[in-house]
Amino acid sequence: MLTTDILTVQITMPSGIQDVTAVGSSGYERLHLLADLQVTFGGVFDDAANLAHAVFKNYRTLAGSEIGRTTSIVHSSQTLAATLLYQNYDLNRQADGSFPFTTTGLCSQTAVPAWS
């Protein structure tokens, strides 16, 4: 459980929208298309076992193939669980000596992400 070194989280759950208005209609009609999920975590570097650096540093396998990671976000007794492909792990040393990171995960499963 990564709770001590993650400071920020941004959750985006977009859906595609398609205009399907027929020629005989005078107003827009739209349909929801596929749903997606993107999660961005920000935190501080800590290379202790089982913390963020240990988890995110190998977001790709040595062979270069992607591995989806089961990720659960719990807030106020609500859980968002999904399998995410992490596309980056960016470290940025600051002038004051701090070493924050950001990492972004994208939904890698066909199930629609939902809070439960």
Protein backbone atom coordinates (compact mmCIF):
# COMPACT_ATOMS: atom_id res chain seq x y z
CA MET A 1 0.00 0.00 0.00
CA LEU A 2 1.52 3.28 -1.13
CA THR A 3 0.30 5.94 1.25
CA THR A 4 3.35 7.56 2.81
CA ASP A 5 5.14 8.83 -0.28
CA ILE A 6 2.27 9.71 -2.63
CA LEU A 7 1.19 13.32 -2.14
CA THR A 8 -1.14 13.98 -5.07
CA VAL A 9 -3.50 12.01 -7.28
CA GLN A 10 -5.44 13.10 -10.34
CA ILE A 11 -8.16 10.81 -11.66
CA THR A 12 -9.65 11.33 -15.11
CA MET A 13 -12.54 9.15 -16.31
CA PRO A 14 -13.45 10.39 -19.81
CA SER A 15 -15.94 8.89 -22.24
CA GLY A 16 -16.09 9.42 -25.95
CA ILE A 17 -19.14 11.24 -27.30
CA GLN A 18 -20.52 10.77 -30.81
CA ASP A 19 -22.92 13.14 -32.54
CA VAL A 20 -25.68 11.02 -34.12
CA THR A 21 -28.20 13.70 -35.04
CA ALA A 22 -30.40 12.65 -37.93
CA VAL A 23 -31.06 15.02 -40.82
CA GLY A 24 -34.70 15.38 -39.71
CA SER A 25 -33.77 16.58 -36.20
CA SER A 26 -33.37 20.19 -35.18
CA GLY A 27 -31.22 19.55 -32.10
CA TYR A 28 -28.12 17.57 -31.26
CA GLU A 29 -28.34 13.91 -30.28
CA ARG A 30 -25.30 12.27 -28.72
CA LEU A 31 -24.23 8.83 -27.57
CA HIS A 32 -21.68 7.87 -24.96
CA LEU A 33 -18.92 5.76 -26.46
CA LEU A 34 -16.11 3.90 -24.72
CA ALA A 35 -15.03 4.84 -21.21
CA ASP A 36 -11.42 5.26 -20.12
CA LEU A 37 -9.37 5.91 -17.01
CA GLN A 38 -6.17 7.86 -16.43
CA VAL A 39 -4.54 8.22 -13.03
CA THR A 40 -1.55 10.47 -12.28
CA PHE A 41 0.28 10.13 -8.99
CA GLY A 42 2.79 12.62 -7.62
CA GLY A 43 5.01 12.00 -4.66
CA VAL A 44 8.43 12.09 -3.07
CA PHE A 45 11.34 9.75 -3.74
CA ASP A 46 11.77 7.01 -1.14
CA ASP A 47 13.68 3.90 -2.17
CA ALA A 48 12.63 1.79 0.82
CA ALA A 49 11.23 -1.63 -0.03
CA ASN A 50 7.59 -1.72 -1.19
CA LEU A 51 7.24 2.05 -1.55
CA ALA A 52 6.64 4.06 -4.72
CA HIS A 53 10.17 3.91 -6.19
CA ALA A 54 10.32 0.13 -5.79
CA VAL A 55 6.91 -0.23 -7.42
CA PHE A 56 7.18 2.27 -10.30
CA LYS A 57 10.88 2.05 -11.31
CA ASN A 58 10.20 -1.10 -13.35
CA TYR A 59 6.96 0.00 -14.95
CA ARG A 60 8.07 -1.95 -18.02
CA THR A 61 9.53 -5.43 -18.05
CA LEU A 62 13.11 -6.02 -19.13
CA ALA A 63 11.82 -7.44 -22.40
CA GLY A 64 9.97 -4.16 -23.08
CA SER A 65 6.47 -5.59 -23.00
CA GLU A 66 3.84 -3.83 -20.98
CA ILE A 67 2.46 -5.29 -17.77
CA GLY A 68 -0.81 -4.08 -16.35
CA ARG A 69 -0.74 -3.47 -12.60
CA THR A 70 -3.78 -3.85 -10.44
CA THR A 71 -4.28 -0.46 -8.82
CA SER A 72 -6.84 0.42 -6.16
CA ILE A 73 -7.59 3.92 -4.93
CA VAL A 74 -9.56 4.12 -1.70
CA HIS A 75 -11.09 7.36 -0.48
CA SER A 76 -13.92 7.87 2.00
CA SER A 77 -14.88 4.16 1.91
CA GLN A 78 -15.10 4.26 -1.90
CA THR A 79 -12.78 2.13 -4.04
CA LEU A 80 -11.72 2.60 -7.65
CA ALA A 81 -9.97 -0.55 -8.86
CA ALA A 82 -8.49 -1.05 -12.32
CA THR A 83 -5.62 -2.63 -14.18
CA LEU A 84 -3.35 0.18 -15.38
CA LEU A 85 -0.42 0.38 -17.75
CA TYR A 86 2.03 2.92 -16.35
CA GLN A 87 3.49 4.93 -19.19
CA ASN A 88 6.15 6.88 -17.33
CA TYR A 89 8.01 7.33 -14.06
CA ASP A 90 9.51 10.82 -14.04
CA LEU A 91 11.87 12.04 -11.34
CA ASN A 92 12.81 15.71 -11.12
CA ARG A 93 15.45 16.91 -8.66
CA GLN A 94 14.59 20.39 -7.41
CA ALA A 95 17.00 23.19 -6.48
CA ASP A 96 16.12 22.73 -2.80
CA GLY A 97 17.22 19.07 -2.93
CA SER A 98 13.76 17.52 -3.02
CA PHE A 99 13.25 14.69 -5.53
CA PRO A 100 9.56 14.46 -6.50
CA PHE A 101 8.13 12.02 -9.02
CA THR A 102 5.08 11.73 -11.24
CA THR A 103 3.72 8.61 -12.88
CA THR A 104 0.69 8.13 -15.10
CA GLY A 105 -1.33 4.96 -15.52
CA LEU A 106 -3.85 4.30 -18.28
CA CYS A 107 -6.63 1.72 -18.19
CA SER A 108 -5.47 -1.53 -19.79
CA GLN A 109 -8.56 -3.66 -19.39
CA THR A 110 -11.78 -3.83 -21.30
CA ALA A 111 -13.96 -3.38 -18.20
CA VAL A 112 -15.38 0.08 -17.63
CA PRO A 113 -13.73 1.59 -14.52
CA ALA A 114 -16.19 2.47 -11.77
CA TRP A 115 -16.23 3.44 -8.11
CA SER A 116 -17.67 0.87 -5.73
